[in-house]
Protein backbone atom coordinates (compact mmCIF):
# COMPACT_ATOMS: atom_id res chain seq x y z
CA MET A 1 -35.66 -64.39 -82.74
CA ALA A 2 -37.87 -63.60 -79.83
CA GLY A 3 -35.74 -65.68 -77.58
CA ASP A 4 -32.56 -63.88 -78.73
CA SER A 5 -34.03 -60.41 -77.98
CA LYS A 6 -34.76 -61.44 -74.45
CA LYS A 7 -31.17 -62.49 -73.93
CA LEU A 8 -29.78 -59.17 -75.20
CA GLN A 9 -31.66 -56.95 -72.76
CA PRO A 10 -29.26 -55.13 -70.43
CA ILE A 11 -29.23 -55.98 -66.80
CA ILE A 12 -29.80 -52.92 -64.59
CA VAL A 13 -28.48 -53.12 -61.05
CA LYS A 14 -30.10 -50.61 -58.66
CA ARG A 15 -28.21 -49.91 -55.49
CA ILE A 16 -30.19 -48.47 -52.67
CA LYS A 17 -28.23 -46.50 -50.11
CA LYS A 18 -29.80 -46.66 -46.73
CA GLY A 19 -29.99 -43.27 -45.03
CA GLY A 20 -30.55 -42.43 -41.41
CA HIS A 21 -29.91 -39.94 -38.69
CA ALA A 22 -26.31 -39.62 -37.50
CA VAL A 23 -25.77 -40.85 -34.01
CA HIS A 24 -24.25 -38.18 -31.73
CA GLY A 25 -21.17 -39.21 -29.79
CA GLY A 26 -20.10 -38.24 -26.27
CA ALA A 27 -17.66 -35.44 -27.23
CA TRP A 28 -19.99 -32.77 -25.83
CA LYS A 29 -19.71 -34.32 -22.41
CA ILE A 30 -15.95 -33.76 -22.38
CA ALA A 31 -16.37 -30.13 -23.47
CA TYR A 32 -19.02 -29.55 -20.82
CA ALA A 33 -16.84 -31.11 -18.13
CA ASP A 34 -13.94 -28.81 -19.13
CA PHE A 35 -16.26 -25.80 -18.95
CA VAL A 36 -17.53 -26.75 -15.49
CA THR A 37 -13.96 -27.30 -14.28
CA ALA A 38 -12.86 -23.91 -15.60
CA MET A 39 -15.81 -22.17 -13.94
CA MET A 40 -15.09 -23.90 -10.65
CA ALA A 41 -11.45 -22.79 -10.81
CA PHE A 42 -12.56 -19.24 -11.63
CA PHE A 43 -14.96 -18.98 -8.71
CA LEU A 44 -12.34 -20.54 -6.42
CA LEU A 45 -9.87 -17.86 -7.53
CA MET A 46 -12.43 -15.12 -6.88
CA TRP A 47 -13.09 -16.51 -3.39
CA LEU A 48 -9.37 -16.63 -2.57
CA LEU A 49 -8.86 -13.04 -3.76
CA GLY A 50 -11.82 -11.89 -1.69
CA SER A 51 -10.54 -13.53 1.49
CA THR A 52 -6.94 -12.34 1.09
CA SER A 53 -5.81 -9.29 3.09
CA GLU A 54 -4.34 -6.20 1.47
CA GLY A 55 -0.91 -6.95 2.91
CA ASP A 56 -0.86 -10.45 1.41
CA LYS A 57 -1.96 -9.08 -1.96
CA LYS A 58 0.91 -6.61 -1.92
CA GLY A 59 3.31 -9.39 -1.00
CA LEU A 60 2.13 -11.46 -3.95
CA ALA A 61 2.40 -8.45 -6.24
CA ASP A 62 5.97 -7.77 -5.09
CA TYR A 63 6.87 -11.43 -5.58
CA PHE A 64 5.60 -11.60 -9.15
CA SER A 65 7.17 -8.24 -9.99
CA ALA A 66 10.60 -9.69 -9.10
CA PRO A 67 10.38 -13.49 -9.41
CA LEU A 68 14.15 -13.95 -9.60
CA LYS A 69 14.48 -13.07 -5.92
CA LEU A 70 13.04 -16.46 -5.04
CA SER A 71 15.79 -18.16 -7.00
CA LEU A 72 18.40 -16.04 -5.25
CA LEU A 73 17.10 -17.11 -1.86
CA SER A 74 16.89 -20.81 -2.74
CA SER A 75 19.91 -23.05 -3.08
CA GLY A 76 20.51 -25.71 -5.70
CA SER A 77 23.22 -27.59 -7.49
CA GLY A 78 21.78 -27.79 -10.96
CA SER A 79 23.63 -27.65 -14.23
CA GLY A 80 23.42 -23.87 -14.38
CA ASP A 81 25.56 -23.29 -11.29
CA SER A 82 28.86 -23.10 -13.12
CA SER A 83 27.89 -20.52 -15.73
CA HIS A 84 25.14 -18.46 -14.10
CA VAL A 85 24.83 -16.38 -10.95
CA ILE A 86 21.34 -17.69 -10.20
CA LYS A 87 21.30 -21.21 -8.84
CA GLY A 88 19.90 -23.78 -11.21
CA GLY A 89 17.58 -26.58 -10.21
CA GLY A 90 17.37 -30.27 -10.94
CA GLN A 91 19.94 -33.02 -11.19
CA ASP A 92 22.78 -32.59 -13.68
CA LEU A 93 22.70 -35.82 -15.71
CA THR A 94 26.18 -35.15 -17.16
CA ARG A 95 27.68 -35.82 -13.72
CA THR A 96 26.44 -39.39 -13.68
CA THR A 97 27.81 -42.30 -15.67
CA GLY A 98 25.94 -45.23 -17.05
CA GLN A 99 22.26 -45.83 -16.91
CA VAL A 100 20.81 -44.74 -13.60
CA LYS A 101 17.26 -45.39 -12.59
CA ARG A 102 15.12 -42.46 -11.53
CA GLY A 103 14.57 -43.93 -8.09
CA GLU A 104 18.32 -44.25 -7.44
CA LEU A 105 18.94 -40.50 -7.78
CA GLU A 106 18.84 -38.63 -4.52
CA ALA A 107 15.89 -36.29 -4.53
CA LYS A 108 16.85 -32.77 -3.47
CA ARG A 109 14.20 -30.42 -2.22
CA SER A 110 14.76 -26.70 -2.41
CA THR A 111 13.00 -25.03 0.50
CA VAL A 112 12.29 -21.31 0.71
CA ASN A 113 13.05 -19.55 3.97
CA VAL A 114 10.05 -17.33 4.68
CA HIS A 115 12.04 -15.09 7.01
CA GLN A 116 14.71 -14.53 4.38
CA LEU A 117 12.05 -13.76 1.80
CA LYS A 118 10.44 -11.18 4.08
CA ALA A 119 13.83 -9.69 4.86
CA GLU A 120 14.55 -9.41 1.15
CA GLN A 121 11.21 -7.71 0.57
CA ALA A 122 11.90 -5.31 3.44
CA ARG A 123 15.30 -4.42 1.97
CA ALA A 124 13.71 -3.81 -1.42
CA GLU A 125 11.09 -1.57 0.17
CA VAL A 126 13.72 0.42 2.06
CA ALA A 127 15.65 0.86 -1.17
CA ARG A 128 12.48 2.13 -2.87
CA LEU A 129 11.87 4.63 -0.06
CA GLU A 130 15.47 5.81 -0.21
CA ASP A 131 15.03 6.38 -3.94
CA LEU A 132 11.85 8.32 -3.16
CA ARG A 133 13.79 10.45 -0.69
CA HIS A 134 16.31 11.41 -3.37
CA LYS A 135 13.52 12.19 -5.84
CA VAL A 136 11.85 14.54 -3.35
CA GLU A 137 15.11 16.35 -2.67
CA GLN A 138 15.85 16.70 -6.39
CA ARG A 139 12.32 17.88 -7.16
CA ILE A 140 12.48 20.60 -4.52
CA ALA A 141 15.98 21.68 -5.54
CA ALA A 142 14.93 21.97 -9.20
CA ASN A 143 12.06 24.33 -8.33
CA GLY A 144 13.38 27.83 -7.83
CA LYS A 145 10.28 28.98 -5.96
CA LEU A 146 10.69 26.23 -3.38
CA ALA A 147 14.44 26.58 -2.88
CA GLY A 148 13.82 28.80 0.14
CA MET A 149 11.74 26.11 1.83
CA ALA A 150 14.40 23.42 1.51
CA GLY A 151 15.64 24.28 5.01
CA GLN A 152 12.16 23.70 6.40
CA MET A 153 11.98 20.11 5.14
CA LEU A 154 13.36 17.18 7.11
CA LEU A 155 13.48 13.72 5.52
CA GLU A 156 14.40 10.69 7.60
CA MET A 157 13.90 6.93 7.58
CA THR A 158 11.97 5.60 10.57
CA ALA A 159 10.59 2.22 11.60
CA ASP A 160 7.25 3.15 9.98
CA GLY A 161 8.76 4.36 6.71
CA LEU A 162 9.98 7.62 5.16
CA ARG A 163 8.95 10.63 7.24
CA ILE A 164 8.75 14.00 5.49
CA GLN A 165 8.40 16.86 7.97
CA ILE A 166 7.66 20.45 6.97
CA VAL A 167 8.41 22.74 9.91
CA ASP A 168 7.25 26.30 10.41
CA GLN A 169 9.42 29.41 10.59
CA ASP A 170 8.66 32.93 11.76
CA ASN A 171 9.66 34.49 8.45
CA ARG A 172 8.04 31.79 6.29
CA PRO A 173 4.88 30.33 7.90
CA MET A 174 3.06 27.38 6.36
CA PHE A 175 -0.44 28.49 7.39
CA ALA A 176 -2.16 31.73 8.25
CA SER A 177 -1.96 32.62 11.93
CA GLY A 178 -4.41 30.60 13.97
CA SER A 179 -6.12 28.96 10.97
CA ALA A 180 -5.77 26.11 8.47
CA SER A 181 -5.48 28.44 5.46
CA VAL A 182 -2.50 27.19 3.43
CA GLN A 183 0.05 29.79 2.35
CA PRO A 184 1.01 29.93 -1.37
CA ALA A 185 4.55 28.59 -0.90
CA MET A 186 3.26 25.71 1.23
CA ARG A 187 0.55 24.97 -1.33
CA GLU A 188 3.08 24.72 -4.17
CA LEU A 189 5.34 22.52 -2.04
CA LEU A 190 2.48 20.12 -1.28
CA HIS A 191 1.57 19.98 -4.97
CA GLU A 192 5.12 18.94 -5.83
CA LEU A 193 5.08 16.30 -3.08
CA GLY A 194 1.73 14.96 -4.27
CA ALA A 195 3.10 14.44 -7.78
CA VAL A 196 6.16 12.58 -6.47
CA LEU A 197 4.30 10.43 -3.91
CA ALA A 198 1.81 9.33 -6.56
CA ASP A 199 4.59 7.25 -8.17
CA VAL A 200 4.88 4.87 -5.18
CA PRO A 201 2.20 2.38 -4.03
CA ASN A 202 2.78 3.00 -0.31
CA ARG A 203 -0.03 4.39 1.86
CA LEU A 204 0.41 7.69 3.71
CA THR A 205 -0.23 9.03 7.19
CA LEU A 206 -0.60 12.80 7.70
CA GLU A 207 -0.04 14.36 11.12
CA GLY A 208 -0.57 17.94 12.20
CA HIS A 209 1.42 19.42 15.09
CA THR A 210 1.29 22.74 16.96
CA ASP A 211 3.40 24.38 19.64
CA ALA A 212 2.49 24.38 23.32
CA LEU A 213 0.91 27.85 23.32
CA PRO A 214 -2.81 27.13 23.83
CA PHE A 215 -5.16 28.36 21.16
CA GLY A 216 -8.17 30.54 22.03
CA SER A 217 -8.95 33.33 24.45
CA GLY A 218 -9.10 33.15 28.20
CA ALA A 219 -12.89 33.36 28.07
CA GLY A 220 -13.10 30.18 26.02
CA SER A 221 -14.34 26.86 27.31
CA GLU A 222 -12.91 23.36 27.19
CA ARG A 223 -15.25 22.57 24.31
CA GLY A 224 -14.00 25.49 22.24
CA TYR A 225 -11.70 25.40 19.21
CA SER A 226 -8.29 24.31 20.52
CA ASN A 227 -4.91 23.16 19.27
CA TRP A 228 -6.36 19.70 18.71
CA GLU A 229 -8.88 20.95 16.18
CA LEU A 230 -6.33 23.32 14.65
CA SER A 231 -3.72 20.59 14.12
CA ALA A 232 -6.33 18.21 12.66
CA ASP A 233 -7.66 20.89 10.29
CA ARG A 234 -4.16 21.74 9.09
CA ALA A 235 -3.38 18.08 8.44
CA ASN A 236 -6.59 17.68 6.47
CA ALA A 237 -5.90 20.88 4.51
CA SER A 238 -2.49 19.45 3.61
CA ARG A 239 -4.22 16.27 2.42
CA ARG A 240 -6.39 18.27 0.04
CA GLU A 241 -3.36 20.04 -1.42
CA LEU A 242 -1.58 16.70 -1.94
CA LEU A 243 -4.63 15.43 -3.84
CA ALA A 244 -4.60 18.58 -5.96
CA GLY A 245 -0.99 17.76 -6.87
CA GLY A 246 -1.95 14.32 -8.23
CA LEU A 247 -1.93 12.01 -5.19
CA PRO A 248 -4.73 9.39 -5.37
CA ASP A 249 -7.30 9.76 -2.60
CA GLU A 250 -7.19 6.05 -1.68
CA GLN A 251 -3.45 6.32 -1.00
CA VAL A 252 -4.09 8.33 2.18
CA LEU A 253 -4.66 5.93 5.06
CA ARG A 254 -4.85 8.19 8.10
CA VAL A 255 -5.12 11.92 8.91
CA GLN A 256 -4.72 12.97 12.53
CA GLY A 257 -4.02 16.01 14.66
CA LEU A 258 -1.62 15.66 17.59
CA ALA A 259 -1.56 19.27 18.84
CA SER A 260 1.54 19.70 21.04
CA ALA A 261 1.61 16.11 22.32
CA ASN A 262 4.76 15.26 20.32
CA PRO A 263 6.94 18.40 20.12
CA PHE A 264 9.85 18.57 17.73
CA ASP A 265 11.93 20.68 20.13
CA ARG A 266 11.28 19.18 23.56
CA ARG A 267 13.50 21.76 25.27
CA ASP A 268 11.34 24.63 23.98
CA PRO A 269 7.70 23.50 23.52
CA ALA A 270 6.78 27.00 22.28
CA ALA A 271 9.38 27.03 19.47
CA PRO A 272 8.08 27.67 15.92
CA THR A 273 9.59 24.40 14.70
CA ASN A 274 7.03 22.51 16.77
CA ARG A 275 4.39 23.73 14.33
CA ARG A 276 4.80 21.24 11.52
CA ILE A 277 3.16 18.78 9.14
CA SER A 278 4.47 15.18 9.04
CA ILE A 279 3.90 12.94 6.03
CA VAL A 280 4.84 9.31 6.67
CA VAL A 281 5.23 7.08 3.60
CA MET A 282 4.39 3.84 5.39
CA THR A 283 6.04 0.47 4.92
CA ARG A 284 3.89 -2.62 4.41
CA GLU A 285 4.56 -3.75 7.97
CA ALA A 286 3.44 -0.39 9.41
CA GLU A 287 0.32 -0.50 7.25
CA GLU A 288 -0.53 -3.99 8.49
CA ARG A 289 -0.16 -2.80 12.09
CA VAL A 290 -2.77 -0.14 11.43
CA PHE A 291 -5.21 -2.67 9.98
CA ARG A 292 -4.60 -5.09 12.86
CA ALA A 293 -5.18 -2.43 15.52
CA THR A 294 -8.92 -3.06 15.94
CA PRO A 295 -10.34 -1.80 19.24
CA GLU A 296 -11.92 -4.34 21.57
CA PRO A 297 -15.20 -3.57 23.39
CA PRO A 298 -14.59 -2.35 26.95
CA ASP A 299 -15.53 -4.61 29.85
CA GLU A 300 -16.96 -1.72 31.86
CA PRO A 301 -18.23 1.81 31.09
CA GLU A 302 -15.55 4.31 30.26
CA THR A 303 -14.60 6.97 32.79
CA PRO A 304 -16.14 10.37 31.98
CA ALA A 305 -13.78 13.12 30.90
CA ALA A 306 -14.53 15.13 34.03
CA ALA A 307 -13.44 12.23 36.23
CA ALA A 308 -10.31 11.44 34.26
CA GLU A 309 -6.98 11.29 35.99
CA PRO A 310 -5.42 14.76 36.39
CA GLY A 311 -2.55 15.48 34.04
CA ALA A 312 -3.49 12.73 31.57
CA ALA A 313 -2.88 13.70 27.94
CA PRO A 314 -6.06 13.71 25.79
CA PRO A 315 -6.22 11.43 22.76
CA PRO A 316 -5.18 12.80 19.34
CA ALA A 317 -7.85 14.36 17.16
CA VAL A 318 -8.30 12.04 14.19
CA LEU A 319 -10.12 13.02 11.02
CA PRO A 320 -11.62 10.41 8.69
CA VAL A 321 -10.16 10.42 5.21
CA GLY A 322 -12.19 12.76 3.04
CA GLY A 323 -13.68 14.69 5.97
CA ALA A 324 -13.57 18.47 5.89
CA GLY A 325 -14.94 19.43 9.29
CA PRO A 326 -12.91 19.94 12.48
CA ALA A 327 -12.35 17.01 14.79
CA ALA A 328 -13.52 17.56 18.34
CA THR A 329 -12.02 14.49 19.98
CA GLY A 330 -9.12 16.40 21.57
CA ILE A 331 -9.54 18.57 24.68
CA SER A 332 -7.27 21.47 25.54
CA SER A 333 -7.42 24.01 28.35
CA PRO A 334 -8.05 27.63 27.26
CA ALA A 335 -5.29 30.22 27.42
CA PRO A 336 -3.99 33.27 25.45
CA ALA A 337 -4.25 33.22 21.67
CA HIS A 338 -1.95 31.11 19.50
CA ARG A 339 -0.17 32.60 16.50
């Protein structure tokens, strides 16, 4: 019996599962390489944006705001030509029969004419300025208080952009006599213009003009307050009123006083219409010309003002944007008081 009991004992099988640490693969290397590539592309983009001029940035912005213009300027004979106005690209496979290898198809390259693209951008900018001109006219006509000043405003398209001129009249002056104090009607007009000009991205140039009657008394000196300072102060006062109307400060590019150097009525330099404020909504090309006009250092010392050539016109008085003080760069000979 003892032998039988030994045979009936159950057989227990014990399975031992070997454990261990999991071996890490190389997936993290791929993720790290993607991260480094993305960071390199990001810093490259930041470097390109930092080295790009303002004019090029505006050109890129205009391109991406209207990307279909590129398709209009490029030619193609794709499958979309027959049913769409915009030229399609690529080879129409329905016009070929049989099996054609890729290398046997004639490769067509669509090239973009840079001059045509710039011309298209210039036409679009002119159209935007023309629309701005109509908005200004409608805004002034809708304001009953400013209806009387409509005859004092002159809007015209020039090579530098849209020029808005506000001329003076004897019965409705823009400033107090002999000062840069803005009259109420002129202040309200500038507020309306500031609200309208804030809707366009173009930069502005403000110019102050006076008539040919010299400012100051006969006892004054050449370093006294003249038409140059007066025109510059009036232009800067107009800038402040435009900002009060909603115009962003960084939209003003240049403020300058020209005195009577550029009269409106050349036949009568003392006419009231020569006293005016000019606001030029600049095109991109005009703005780039301003940025490119960097003065070069002179080769020899400049000629003193006392030894300057007789009859030479002094330079315009230019105020830095944001400045409130008078500019003293212009020189004018003293004479009887200006109105």
